[in-house]
């Protein structure tokens, strides 16, 4: 069995641990029966140890109940950059091992620790996700087809653990209300780009608290909006930054983003990536 899952960008500014959008970067996992464990990796993440501790192996073995298989992983999702690489890999590996979409989503949540990245990778498009008493769940939201996304992907990684450790244990009612209001604006703007304004990506729960981990981020975000993005924010826990753009402006924003990174002394890539509406796709072996 072969399965493919997209990258994701979570939070989108105010939607902390709740919102995510699937992006057109993918990881593909293929599993074939074998007498013993064999692993082959290509692309992003191929420099990680290739052994029984590999995340895809652990997920597939958990679904199958054994590790007698040949596993191939091919990925163009940068690792440790805030693009949901772990959740996407878990979803794809679970599906390649035979799990259906809903079960693969649940596996992705278990691996990632929170549901929004796994939801986007499993179901595609723009989603909201949470964990209820009977397990994780997600709901789709409308996403205007005129939207495209630009990602600034620094060469330096930022561990999710470090990003999480930067957050306070409590937030004020004022800041919570600020984010809820901005999230309402954001959902309206993502459904209809004509209503999308830069303030919809503002946040008081995580981006400022993580600023010391990527001090150039605020200037880059401001520059992306100045270059024509409808809004910009951190992608997940960073350090990747996400710009929300009208499709016809995306290439100009991408080019400006590359120049902005160079001027700030940040090595990395600026890419135009479309949303992925499909999410998890399986191909019978």
Protein backbone atom coordinates (compact mmCIF):
# COMPACT_ATOMS: atom_id res chain seq x y z
CA UNK A 1 0.00 0.00 0.00
CA UNK A 2 1.16 3.53 -0.75
CA UNK A 3 -0.15 6.70 0.91
CA UNK A 4 0.52 10.40 0.55
CA UNK A 5 -0.26 13.18 3.04
CA UNK A 6 0.25 16.96 2.82
CA UNK A 7 2.15 19.35 5.02
CA UNK A 8 0.16 21.74 7.16
CA UNK A 9 0.41 25.18 8.67
CA UNK A 10 -1.18 25.44 12.10
CA UNK A 11 -2.43 28.35 14.20
CA UNK A 12 -2.58 30.84 11.29
CA UNK A 13 -1.99 33.57 13.84
CA UNK A 14 -4.85 33.58 16.36
CA UNK A 15 -6.08 29.97 16.04
CA UNK A 16 -3.61 28.48 18.51
CA UNK A 17 -3.73 24.65 18.54
CA UNK A 18 -7.08 24.85 16.76
CA UNK A 19 -6.77 25.88 13.10
CA UNK A 20 -4.64 24.46 10.30
CA UNK A 21 -4.52 24.47 6.53
CA UNK A 22 -3.14 21.67 4.34
CA UNK A 23 -0.37 22.79 1.99
CA UNK A 24 0.92 21.39 -1.29
CA UNK A 25 4.09 19.81 0.05
CA UNK A 26 3.86 16.06 0.61
CA UNK A 27 5.27 12.96 2.23
CA UNK A 28 4.70 9.57 0.65
CA UNK A 29 5.02 6.23 2.43
CA UNK A 30 4.97 2.82 0.75
CA UNK A 31 4.90 -0.49 2.61
CA UNK A 32 5.48 -3.97 1.20
CA UNK A 33 5.63 -7.32 3.04
CA UNK A 34 9.17 -8.53 3.75
CA UNK A 35 10.92 -11.16 5.82
CA UNK A 36 12.45 -8.52 8.07
CA UNK A 37 12.48 -4.76 8.48
CA UNK A 38 14.01 -2.77 5.62
CA UNK A 39 13.86 1.02 5.26
CA UNK A 40 14.59 3.44 2.44
CA UNK A 41 14.23 7.22 2.73
CA UNK A 42 14.54 10.04 0.21
CA UNK A 43 14.19 13.79 0.30
CA UNK A 44 13.56 15.86 3.41
CA UNK A 45 14.40 13.97 6.60
CA UNK A 46 16.55 11.40 4.83
CA UNK A 47 19.47 12.42 7.05
CA UNK A 48 17.65 11.08 10.12
CA UNK A 49 18.61 7.63 11.49
CA UNK A 50 17.12 4.84 9.39
CA UNK A 51 16.30 2.14 11.93
CA UNK A 52 13.48 0.73 14.02
CA UNK A 53 13.21 4.05 15.86
CA UNK A 54 12.13 5.92 12.71
CA UNK A 55 8.69 7.46 13.24
CA UNK A 56 7.20 5.86 10.13
CA UNK A 57 8.42 2.43 11.25
CA UNK A 58 6.97 2.87 14.73
CA UNK A 59 3.60 3.96 13.34
CA UNK A 60 3.41 1.21 10.72
CA UNK A 61 4.48 -1.48 13.19
CA UNK A 62 1.83 -0.26 15.63
CA UNK A 63 -0.89 -0.60 12.99
CA UNK A 64 0.34 -3.93 11.58
CA UNK A 65 1.41 -5.50 14.87
CA UNK A 66 4.84 -6.49 13.48
CA UNK A 67 7.84 -5.02 11.64
CA UNK A 68 8.26 -7.52 8.82
CA UNK A 69 7.97 -5.03 6.00
CA UNK A 70 9.92 -2.92 3.52
CA UNK A 71 9.14 0.76 4.10
CA UNK A 72 9.92 3.59 1.69
CA UNK A 73 9.55 7.24 2.64
CA UNK A 74 9.85 10.14 0.21
CA UNK A 75 9.22 13.65 1.49
CA UNK A 76 9.40 17.27 0.38
CA UNK A 77 8.19 18.59 3.77
CA UNK A 78 11.03 20.33 5.66
CA UNK A 79 11.58 18.78 9.10
CA UNK A 80 11.56 20.89 12.26
CA UNK A 81 10.27 23.99 10.47
CA UNK A 82 6.66 24.27 11.65
CA UNK A 83 5.07 22.58 8.62
CA UNK A 84 3.60 19.55 10.37
CA UNK A 85 6.13 17.03 9.07
CA UNK A 86 5.67 14.60 11.97
CA UNK A 87 1.88 14.61 11.77
CA UNK A 88 1.92 14.18 7.99
CA UNK A 89 4.39 11.29 8.22
CA UNK A 90 2.34 9.59 10.92
CA UNK A 91 -0.88 9.94 8.93
CA UNK A 92 0.73 8.62 5.74
CA UNK A 93 2.49 5.72 7.50
CA UNK A 94 -0.69 4.65 9.28
CA UNK A 95 -2.63 4.68 6.01
CA UNK A 96 0.11 2.81 4.14
CA UNK A 97 -0.13 0.15 6.85
CA UNK A 98 -3.87 -0.20 6.24
CA UNK A 99 -5.56 2.33 8.53
CA UNK A 100 -8.50 4.23 7.08
CA UNK A 101 -8.59 8.04 7.05
CA UNK A 102 -10.24 8.44 10.44
CA UNK A 103 -7.89 5.95 12.10
CA UNK A 104 -4.87 7.58 10.46
CA UNK A 105 -6.04 10.94 11.83
CA UNK A 106 -6.24 9.48 15.33
CA UNK A 107 -2.73 8.03 15.01
CA UNK A 108 -1.45 11.42 13.85
CA UNK A 109 -2.99 13.09 16.90
CA UNK A 110 -1.36 10.56 19.22
CA UNK A 111 2.03 11.19 17.64
CA UNK A 112 1.77 14.97 17.45
CA UNK A 113 0.10 15.55 20.80
CA UNK A 114 -2.54 17.95 19.46
CA UNK A 115 -5.01 17.56 16.61
CA UNK A 116 -4.90 20.40 14.10
CA UNK A 117 -1.85 19.38 12.01
CA UNK A 118 -3.00 15.77 11.79
CA UNK A 119 -6.51 16.92 10.83
CA UNK A 120 -5.22 19.01 7.92
CA UNK A 121 -2.96 16.20 6.72
CA UNK A 122 -5.76 13.64 6.93
CA UNK A 123 -8.68 15.65 5.56
CA UNK A 124 -7.12 18.51 3.60
CA UNK A 125 -8.23 22.10 3.21
CA UNK A 126 -8.82 24.43 6.13
CA UNK A 127 -9.86 22.69 9.34
CA UNK A 128 -10.57 23.32 12.97
CA UNK A 129 -9.76 20.50 15.34
CA UNK A 130 -10.05 19.62 19.00
CA UNK A 131 -10.16 16.63 21.33
CA UNK A 132 -13.52 15.72 22.85
CA UNK A 133 -14.35 13.16 25.52
CA UNK A 134 -14.75 10.48 22.85
CA UNK A 135 -11.58 11.40 20.98
CA UNK A 136 -10.19 13.89 18.46
CA UNK A 137 -12.49 15.49 15.92
CA UNK A 138 -12.26 18.10 13.20
CA UNK A 139 -14.56 20.27 11.11
CA UNK A 140 -13.88 21.76 7.66
CA UNK A 141 -14.12 25.50 7.00
CA UNK A 142 -14.58 27.23 3.64
CA UNK A 143 -11.38 28.28 1.90
CA UNK A 144 -11.53 30.76 -0.96
CA UNK A 145 -10.12 29.24 -4.16
CA UNK A 146 -8.49 32.59 -4.97
CA UNK A 147 -6.03 32.18 -2.10
CA UNK A 148 -2.44 30.99 -2.35
CA UNK A 149 0.24 30.78 0.31
CA UNK A 150 3.88 31.79 0.49
CA UNK A 151 6.17 30.18 3.04
CA UNK A 152 9.52 31.51 4.19
CA UNK A 153 11.45 28.46 5.34
CA UNK A 154 14.66 29.31 7.25
CA UNK A 155 17.54 26.86 6.99
CA UNK A 156 17.72 26.67 10.78
CA UNK A 157 15.27 24.37 12.59
CA UNK A 158 13.30 25.19 15.71
CA UNK A 159 12.24 22.32 17.92
CA UNK A 160 8.60 22.15 18.93
CA UNK A 161 9.71 21.43 22.50
CA UNK A 162 11.66 24.71 22.66
CA UNK A 163 8.76 26.62 21.15
CA UNK A 164 6.32 25.08 23.63
CA UNK A 165 8.61 25.82 26.56
CA UNK A 166 8.52 29.52 25.66
CA UNK A 167 4.78 29.76 26.37
CA UNK A 168 3.36 30.83 29.74
CA UNK A 169 1.12 28.47 31.68
CA UNK A 170 -1.75 30.97 31.82
CA UNK A 171 -3.13 33.76 29.63
CA UNK A 172 -5.33 36.74 30.46
CA UNK A 173 -9.01 37.02 29.58
CA UNK A 174 -8.14 40.13 27.56
CA UNK A 175 -5.63 38.23 25.42
CA UNK A 176 -7.95 35.24 24.98
CA UNK A 177 -10.76 37.56 23.82
CA UNK A 178 -8.33 39.34 21.47
CA UNK A 179 -7.45 36.04 19.78
CA UNK A 180 -11.04 34.87 19.54
CA UNK A 181 -12.04 38.09 17.83
CA UNK A 182 -9.14 37.90 15.39
CA UNK A 183 -9.94 34.24 14.67
CA UNK A 184 -13.50 35.21 13.69
CA UNK A 185 -12.09 37.79 11.28
CA UNK A 186 -9.63 35.23 9.95
CA UNK A 187 -12.24 32.57 9.21
CA UNK A 188 -14.39 35.11 7.39
CA UNK A 189 -11.40 36.28 5.37
CA UNK A 190 -10.23 32.80 4.46
CA UNK A 191 -13.74 32.02 3.20
CA UNK A 192 -13.86 35.26 1.18
CA UNK A 193 -10.51 36.86 0.36
CA UNK A 194 -12.20 40.22 -0.21
CA UNK A 195 -12.85 40.31 3.55
CA UNK A 196 -9.33 39.26 4.55
CA UNK A 197 -7.32 41.94 6.34
CA UNK A 198 -3.88 41.81 7.89
CA UNK A 199 -5.20 42.29 11.43
CA UNK A 200 -6.91 38.89 11.20
CA UNK A 201 -3.51 37.21 11.66
CA UNK A 202 -2.67 39.07 14.86
CA UNK A 203 -2.06 37.01 17.98
CA UNK A 204 -1.30 37.49 21.67
CA UNK A 205 -0.94 33.86 22.80
CA UNK A 206 2.22 32.52 21.17
CA UNK A 207 3.99 34.57 18.49
CA UNK A 208 5.24 37.34 20.74
CA UNK A 209 6.20 34.85 23.43
CA UNK A 210 8.37 33.01 20.90
CA UNK A 211 9.92 36.11 19.37
CA UNK A 212 13.27 35.57 21.10
CA UNK A 213 13.58 32.22 19.29
CA UNK A 214 13.35 33.94 15.91
CA UNK A 215 13.93 37.68 16.42
CA UNK A 216 13.79 38.44 12.69
CA UNK A 217 10.24 37.12 12.39
CA UNK A 218 8.35 40.32 13.21
CA UNK A 219 10.22 42.32 10.58
CA UNK A 220 9.74 39.60 7.98
CA UNK A 221 6.01 39.42 8.67
CA UNK A 222 5.70 43.19 8.34
CA UNK A 223 7.67 43.04 5.10
CA UNK A 224 5.46 40.32 3.63
CA UNK A 225 2.34 42.37 4.25
CA UNK A 226 4.07 45.42 2.80
CA UNK A 227 4.88 43.36 -0.31
CA UNK A 228 1.23 42.54 -0.92
CA UNK A 229 0.30 39.62 1.35
CA UNK A 230 -3.22 39.89 2.80
CA UNK A 231 -1.82 38.70 6.14
CA UNK A 232 1.20 36.87 7.56
CA UNK A 233 2.04 34.87 10.66
CA UNK A 234 4.18 32.12 12.10
CA UNK A 235 3.52 28.65 10.68
CA UNK A 236 2.82 26.43 13.65
CA UNK A 237 5.66 26.72 16.17
CA UNK A 238 7.95 28.19 13.52
CA UNK A 239 10.41 29.15 12.31
CA UNK A 240 8.62 29.02 8.95
CA UNK A 241 6.49 32.08 8.26
CA UNK A 242 3.25 31.93 6.27
CA UNK A 243 1.85 34.66 4.02
CA UNK A 244 -1.78 34.59 2.88
CA UNK A 245 -2.01 35.96 -0.65
CA UNK A 246 -4.27 36.49 -3.60
CA UNK A 247 -3.08 33.90 -6.12
CA UNK A 248 -2.10 36.54 -8.67
CA UNK A 249 0.14 38.29 -6.11
CA UNK A 250 1.80 35.18 -4.73
CA UNK A 251 4.89 35.17 -6.96
CA UNK A 252 5.63 38.83 -6.22
CA UNK A 253 5.28 38.13 -2.48
CA UNK A 254 7.54 35.08 -2.82
CA UNK A 255 10.23 37.12 -4.55
CA UNK A 256 9.95 39.87 -1.94
CA UNK A 257 10.14 37.25 0.80
CA UNK A 258 13.42 35.92 -0.56
CA UNK A 259 14.84 39.44 -0.61
CA UNK A 260 13.55 40.15 2.89
CA UNK A 261 15.28 37.05 4.26
CA UNK A 262 18.54 37.97 2.56
CA UNK A 263 18.38 41.52 3.93
CA UNK A 264 17.73 40.16 7.42
CA UNK A 265 20.62 37.70 7.17
CA UNK A 266 18.28 34.69 7.32
CA UNK A 267 19.33 31.87 5.01
CA UNK A 268 16.42 29.89 3.61
CA UNK A 269 13.82 29.48 0.88
CA UNK A 270 10.75 31.41 -0.14
CA UNK A 271 8.14 29.21 -1.83
CA UNK A 272 4.66 29.55 -3.29
CA UNK A 273 2.55 26.62 -2.12
CA UNK A 274 -1.10 26.04 -3.01
CA UNK A 275 -3.56 24.70 -0.46
CA UNK A 276 -4.13 20.95 -0.65
CA UNK A 277 -7.89 20.24 -0.66
CA UNK A 278 -7.59 16.44 -0.74
CA UNK A 279 -5.54 15.56 2.33
CA UNK A 280 -4.61 11.89 2.66
CA UNK A 281 -4.59 9.90 -0.59
CA UNK A 282 -3.98 6.15 -0.80
CA UNK A 283 -2.84 4.10 -3.76
CA UNK A 284 -3.39 0.31 -3.68
CA UNK A 285 -0.16 -1.63 -3.97
